[in-house]
Amino acid sequence: METGPELSIVLRAFVATLLGLAIGWQREEAGSAAGDRTFALVALGTAAMTGFALYAFPQNADRLIAGAITGIGFLGAGILMLSRDREAFSTAASVWAISALGILVGANLYLAAFLLGALVWFILRWWERLPIARKVRSPERDAEPTDEARLR
């Protein structure tokens, strides 16, 4: 019995888990609905599914990967439905992005995953502190909606 492919998939899932923990830790620090465990599990799951799909079904791996992406979309929808704050959109989008990073790691594209992971972390952690981000935002857009606006 050959264990090489299995160990490779486990290693990829482990690396993706660490990447998910790093991004999830930032989300947890921000008080979001999904934190380090959620992000780690999403990255682990997508990396493992991608590695398995590429190993077991190389001709149809795209279908399994598409199914994983769809499932993560449902997870993001659940985050949006259960949370009432504006940060839920960033959290749902970052869960979706971390699944893409898990897919990259699962496909053995480590450099792309780490560089894009750094970009995701930068956007979540530092983007709002940049002067350009302040120019793009308007006070009306950032204001809390009134009860009347919520009912519309």
C-alpha atoms as a PDB file:
ATOM      1  CA  MET A   1       0.000   0.000   0.000  1.00  0.00           C
ATOM      2  CA  GLU A   2       1.443   3.324  -1.094  1.00  0.00           C
ATOM      3  CA  THR A   3       1.189   6.062   1.550  1.00  0.00           C
ATOM      4  CA  GLY A   4       2.939   8.823  -0.418  1.00  0.00           C
ATOM      5  CA  PRO A   5      -0.215  10.421  -1.830  1.00  0.00           C
ATOM      6  CA  GLU A   6      -1.978  10.190   1.526  1.00  0.00           C
ATOM      7  CA  LEU A   7       0.871  11.872   3.378  1.00  0.00           C
ATOM      8  CA  SER A   8       1.018  14.536   0.699  1.00  0.00           C
ATOM      9  CA  ILE A   9      -2.691  15.306   1.114  1.00  0.00           C
ATOM     10  CA  VAL A  10      -2.334  15.414   4.910  1.00  0.00           C
ATOM     11  CA  LEU A  11       0.669  17.747   4.638  1.00  0.00           C
ATOM     12  CA  ARG A  12      -1.221  20.055   2.292  1.00  0.00           C
ATOM     13  CA  ALA A  13      -4.242  20.093   4.615  1.00  0.00           C
ATOM     14  CA  PHE A  14      -1.945  20.868   7.560  1.00  0.00           C
ATOM     15  CA  VAL A  15      -0.320  23.806   5.744  1.00  0.00           C
ATOM     16  CA  ALA A  16      -3.736  25.116   4.698  1.00  0.00           C
ATOM     17  CA  THR A  17      -4.917  24.806   8.304  1.00  0.00           C
ATOM     18  CA  LEU A  18      -2.064  27.036   9.475  1.00  0.00           C
ATOM     19  CA  LEU A  19      -2.932  29.567   6.800  1.00  0.00           C
ATOM     20  CA  GLY A  20      -6.588  29.452   7.852  1.00  0.00           C
ATOM     21  CA  LEU A  21      -5.633  29.928  11.499  1.00  0.00           C
ATOM     22  CA  ALA A  22      -3.618  33.036  10.640  1.00  0.00           C
ATOM     23  CA  ILE A  23      -6.503  34.669   8.767  1.00  0.00           C
ATOM     24  CA  GLY A  24      -9.110  33.422  11.243  1.00  0.00           C
ATOM     25  CA  TRP A  25      -7.161  34.772  14.179  1.00  0.00           C
ATOM     26  CA  GLN A  26      -7.445  38.252  12.684  1.00  0.00           C
ATOM     27  CA  ARG A  27     -11.207  37.793  12.217  1.00  0.00           C
ATOM     28  CA  GLU A  28     -11.541  36.529  15.780  1.00  0.00           C
ATOM     29  CA  GLU A  29      -9.636  39.561  17.018  1.00  0.00           C
ATOM     30  CA  ALA A  30     -12.084  41.772  15.091  1.00  0.00           C
ATOM     31  CA  GLY A  31     -15.003  40.046  16.852  1.00  0.00           C
ATOM     32  CA  SER A  32     -16.483  38.485  13.728  1.00  0.00           C
ATOM     33  CA  ALA A  33     -19.014  35.678  13.561  1.00  0.00           C
ATOM     34  CA  ALA A  34     -16.406  33.212  12.265  1.00  0.00           C
ATOM     35  CA  GLY A  35     -13.028  32.897  13.916  1.00  0.00           C
ATOM     36  CA  ASP A  36      -9.844  30.911  13.875  1.00  0.00           C
ATOM     37  CA  ARG A  37     -11.422  27.462  14.148  1.00  0.00           C
ATOM     38  CA  THR A  38     -13.888  28.117  11.337  1.00  0.00           C
ATOM     39  CA  PHE A  39     -11.203  29.453   9.026  1.00  0.00           C
ATOM     40  CA  ALA A  40      -8.823  26.614   9.875  1.00  0.00           C
ATOM     41  CA  LEU A  41     -11.497  24.012   9.188  1.00  0.00           C
ATOM     42  CA  VAL A  42     -12.558  25.612   5.898  1.00  0.00           C
ATOM     43  CA  ALA A  43      -8.943  25.738   4.705  1.00  0.00           C
ATOM     44  CA  LEU A  44      -8.283  22.167   5.877  1.00  0.00           C
ATOM     45  CA  GLY A  45     -11.432  20.845   4.217  1.00  0.00           C
ATOM     46  CA  THR A  46     -10.907  22.528   0.885  1.00  0.00           C
ATOM     47  CA  ALA A  47      -7.238  21.542   0.741  1.00  0.00           C
ATOM     48  CA  ALA A  48      -8.041  17.915   1.594  1.00  0.00           C
ATOM     49  CA  MET A  49     -10.904  17.749  -0.929  1.00  0.00           C
ATOM     50  CA  THR A  50      -8.770  19.330  -3.628  1.00  0.00           C
ATOM     51  CA  GLY A  51      -5.836  17.012  -2.961  1.00  0.00           C
ATOM     52  CA  PHE A  52      -8.132  13.995  -2.968  1.00  0.00           C
ATOM     53  CA  ALA A  53      -9.915  15.114  -6.146  1.00  0.00           C
ATOM     54  CA  LEU A  54      -6.658  15.662  -7.997  1.00  0.00           C
ATOM     55  CA  TYR A  55      -5.333  12.280  -6.865  1.00  0.00           C
ATOM     56  CA  ALA A  56      -8.414  10.079  -7.230  1.00  0.00           C
ATOM     57  CA  PHE A  57     -10.287  11.787 -10.071  1.00  0.00           C
ATOM     58  CA  PRO A  58      -7.810  13.896 -12.055  1.00  0.00           C
ATOM     59  CA  GLN A  59     -10.141  14.152 -15.057  1.00  0.00           C
ATOM     60  CA  ASN A  60     -13.120  15.311 -12.945  1.00  0.00           C
ATOM     61  CA  ALA A  61     -11.388  17.203 -10.143  1.00  0.00           C
ATOM     62  CA  ASP A  62     -13.009  20.433 -11.264  1.00  0.00           C
ATOM     63  CA  ARG A  63     -16.453  19.091 -10.323  1.00  0.00           C
ATOM     64  CA  LEU A  64     -15.426  18.237  -6.781  1.00  0.00           C
ATOM     65  CA  ILE A  65     -13.711  21.584  -6.358  1.00  0.00           C
ATOM     66  CA  ALA A  66     -16.798  23.393  -7.698  1.00  0.00           C
ATOM     67  CA  GLY A  67     -18.904  21.510  -5.156  1.00  0.00           C
ATOM     68  CA  ALA A  68     -16.616  22.658  -2.362  1.00  0.00           C
ATOM     69  CA  ILE A  69     -16.891  26.268  -3.508  1.00  0.00           C
ATOM     70  CA  THR A  70     -20.687  25.990  -3.587  1.00  0.00           C
ATOM     71  CA  GLY A  71     -20.718  24.571  -0.074  1.00  0.00           C
ATOM     72  CA  ILE A  72     -18.600  27.446   1.184  1.00  0.00           C
ATOM     73  CA  GLY A  73     -21.102  29.823  -0.417  1.00  0.00           C
ATOM     74  CA  PHE A  74     -23.813  28.303   1.769  1.00  0.00           C
ATOM     75  CA  LEU A  75     -21.606  28.735   4.821  1.00  0.00           C
ATOM     76  CA  GLY A  76     -21.128  32.400   3.924  1.00  0.00           C
ATOM     77  CA  ALA A  77     -24.876  32.829   3.480  1.00  0.00           C
ATOM     78  CA  GLY A  78     -25.392  31.370   6.944  1.00  0.00           C
ATOM     79  CA  ILE A  79     -22.900  33.842   8.401  1.00  0.00           C
ATOM     80  CA  LEU A  80     -24.781  36.712   6.757  1.00  0.00           C
ATOM     81  CA  MET A  81     -28.163  35.467   7.921  1.00  0.00           C
ATOM     82  CA  LEU A  82     -27.122  34.954  11.536  1.00  0.00           C
ATOM     83  CA  SER A  83     -25.182  38.180  11.949  1.00  0.00           C
ATOM     84  CA  ARG A  84     -26.615  41.650  11.915  1.00  0.00           C
ATOM     85  CA  ASP A  85     -23.442  43.694  11.734  1.00  0.00           C
ATOM     86  CA  ARG A  86     -21.665  45.110   8.691  1.00  0.00           C
ATOM     87  CA  GLU A  87     -18.562  43.025   9.362  1.00  0.00           C
ATOM     88  CA  ALA A  88     -20.503  39.892   8.390  1.00  0.00           C
ATOM     89  CA  PHE A  89     -19.954  40.689   4.716  1.00  0.00           C
ATOM     90  CA  SER A  90     -16.203  40.853   5.238  1.00  0.00           C
ATOM     91  CA  THR A  91     -16.318  37.640   7.230  1.00  0.00           C
ATOM     92  CA  ALA A  92     -18.357  35.800   4.596  1.00  0.00           C
ATOM     93  CA  ALA A  93     -16.084  37.054   1.829  1.00  0.00           C
ATOM     94  CA  SER A  94     -12.976  36.092   3.776  1.00  0.00           C
ATOM     95  CA  VAL A  95     -14.350  32.582   4.404  1.00  0.00           C
ATOM     96  CA  TRP A  96     -14.836  32.274   0.665  1.00  0.00           C
ATOM     97  CA  ALA A  97     -11.312  33.620   0.059  1.00  0.00           C
ATOM     98  CA  ILE A  98      -9.785  31.196   2.566  1.00  0.00           C
ATOM     99  CA  SER A  99     -11.468  28.335   0.733  1.00  0.00           C
ATOM    100  CA  ALA A 100      -9.726  29.517  -2.441  1.00  0.00           C
ATOM    101  CA  LEU A 101      -6.429  29.492  -0.540  1.00  0.00           C
ATOM    102  CA  GLY A 102      -7.191  25.958   0.652  1.00  0.00           C
ATOM    103  CA  ILE A 103      -7.819  24.922  -2.939  1.00  0.00           C
ATOM    104  CA  LEU A 104      -4.491  26.442  -3.989  1.00  0.00           C
ATOM    105  CA  VAL A 105      -2.632  24.587  -1.247  1.00  0.00           C
ATOM    106  CA  GLY A 106      -4.515  21.385  -2.080  1.00  0.00           C
ATOM    107  CA  ALA A 107      -3.390  21.805  -5.688  1.00  0.00           C
ATOM    108  CA  ASN A 108       0.217  22.151  -4.499  1.00  0.00           C
ATOM    109  CA  LEU A 109       0.386  25.873  -5.364  1.00  0.00           C
ATOM    110  CA  TYR A 110       1.948  26.997  -2.088  1.00  0.00           C
ATOM    111  CA  LEU A 111       3.543  30.234  -3.255  1.00  0.00           C
ATOM    112  CA  ALA A 112       0.293  31.548  -4.737  1.00  0.00           C
ATOM    113  CA  ALA A 113      -1.583  30.569  -1.564  1.00  0.00           C
ATOM    114  CA  PHE A 114       0.884  32.321   0.747  1.00  0.00           C
ATOM    115  CA  LEU A 115       1.103  35.486  -1.323  1.00  0.00           C
ATOM    116  CA  LEU A 116      -2.661  35.726  -1.723  1.00  0.00           C
ATOM    117  CA  GLY A 117      -3.084  34.850   1.955  1.00  0.00           C
ATOM    118  CA  ALA A 118      -0.833  37.774   2.839  1.00  0.00           C
ATOM    119  CA  LEU A 119      -2.973  39.988   0.626  1.00  0.00           C
ATOM    120  CA  VAL A 120      -6.179  38.806   2.347  1.00  0.00           C
ATOM    121  CA  TRP A 121      -4.615  39.425   5.767  1.00  0.00           C
ATOM    122  CA  PHE A 122      -3.473  42.901   4.680  1.00  0.00           C
ATOM    123  CA  ILE A 123      -6.942  43.794   3.402  1.00  0.00           C
ATOM    124  CA  LEU A 124      -8.625  42.608   6.599  1.00  0.00           C
ATOM    125  CA  ARG A 125      -6.075  44.098   8.974  1.00  0.00           C
ATOM    126  CA  TRP A 126      -4.792  47.298   7.396  1.00  0.00           C
ATOM    127  CA  TRP A 127      -6.961  48.454   4.500  1.00  0.00           C
ATOM    128  CA  GLU A 128      -9.205  50.776   6.505  1.00  0.00           C
ATOM    129  CA  ARG A 129      -6.174  52.517   7.963  1.00  0.00           C
ATOM    130  CA  LEU A 130      -4.922  53.646   4.549  1.00  0.00           C
ATOM    131  CA  PRO A 131      -5.719  57.199   3.449  1.00  0.00           C
ATOM    132  CA  ILE A 132      -7.200  55.982   0.163  1.00  0.00           C
ATOM    133  CA  ALA A 133      -9.757  53.857   2.034  1.00  0.00           C
ATOM    134  CA  ARG A 134     -10.939  56.910   3.958  1.00  0.00           C
ATOM    135  CA  LYS A 135     -11.451  58.832   0.707  1.00  0.00           C
ATOM    136  CA  VAL A 136     -13.571  56.082  -0.783  1.00  0.00           C
ATOM    137  CA  ARG A 137     -15.912  55.837   2.196  1.00  0.00           C
ATOM    138  CA  SER A 138     -18.671  58.357   2.723  1.00  0.00           C
ATOM    139  CA  PRO A 139     -20.239  59.242   6.082  1.00  0.00           C
ATOM    140  CA  GLU A 140     -23.712  58.495   4.733  1.00  0.00           C
ATOM    141  CA  ARG A 141     -22.698  54.982   3.699  1.00  0.00           C
ATOM    142  CA  ASP A 142     -21.059  54.208   7.031  1.00  0.00           C
ATOM    143  CA  ALA A 143     -23.904  55.575   9.156  1.00  0.00           C
ATOM    144  CA  GLU A 144     -26.055  53.076  11.004  1.00  0.00           C
ATOM    145  CA  PRO A 145     -29.380  52.639   9.216  1.00  0.00           C
ATOM    146  CA  THR A 146     -32.445  53.977  10.949  1.00  0.00           C
ATOM    147  CA  ASP A 147     -35.320  51.713  11.941  1.00  0.00           C
ATOM    148  CA  GLU A 148     -37.322  53.120   9.047  1.00  0.00           C
ATOM    149  CA  ALA A 149     -34.557  52.256   6.555  1.00  0.00           C
ATOM    150  CA  ARG A 150     -34.270  48.734   7.977  1.00  0.00           C
ATOM    151  CA  LEU A 151     -37.989  48.109   7.342  1.00  0.00           C
ATOM    152  CA  ARG A 152     -37.706  48.917   3.619  1.00  0.00           C
END
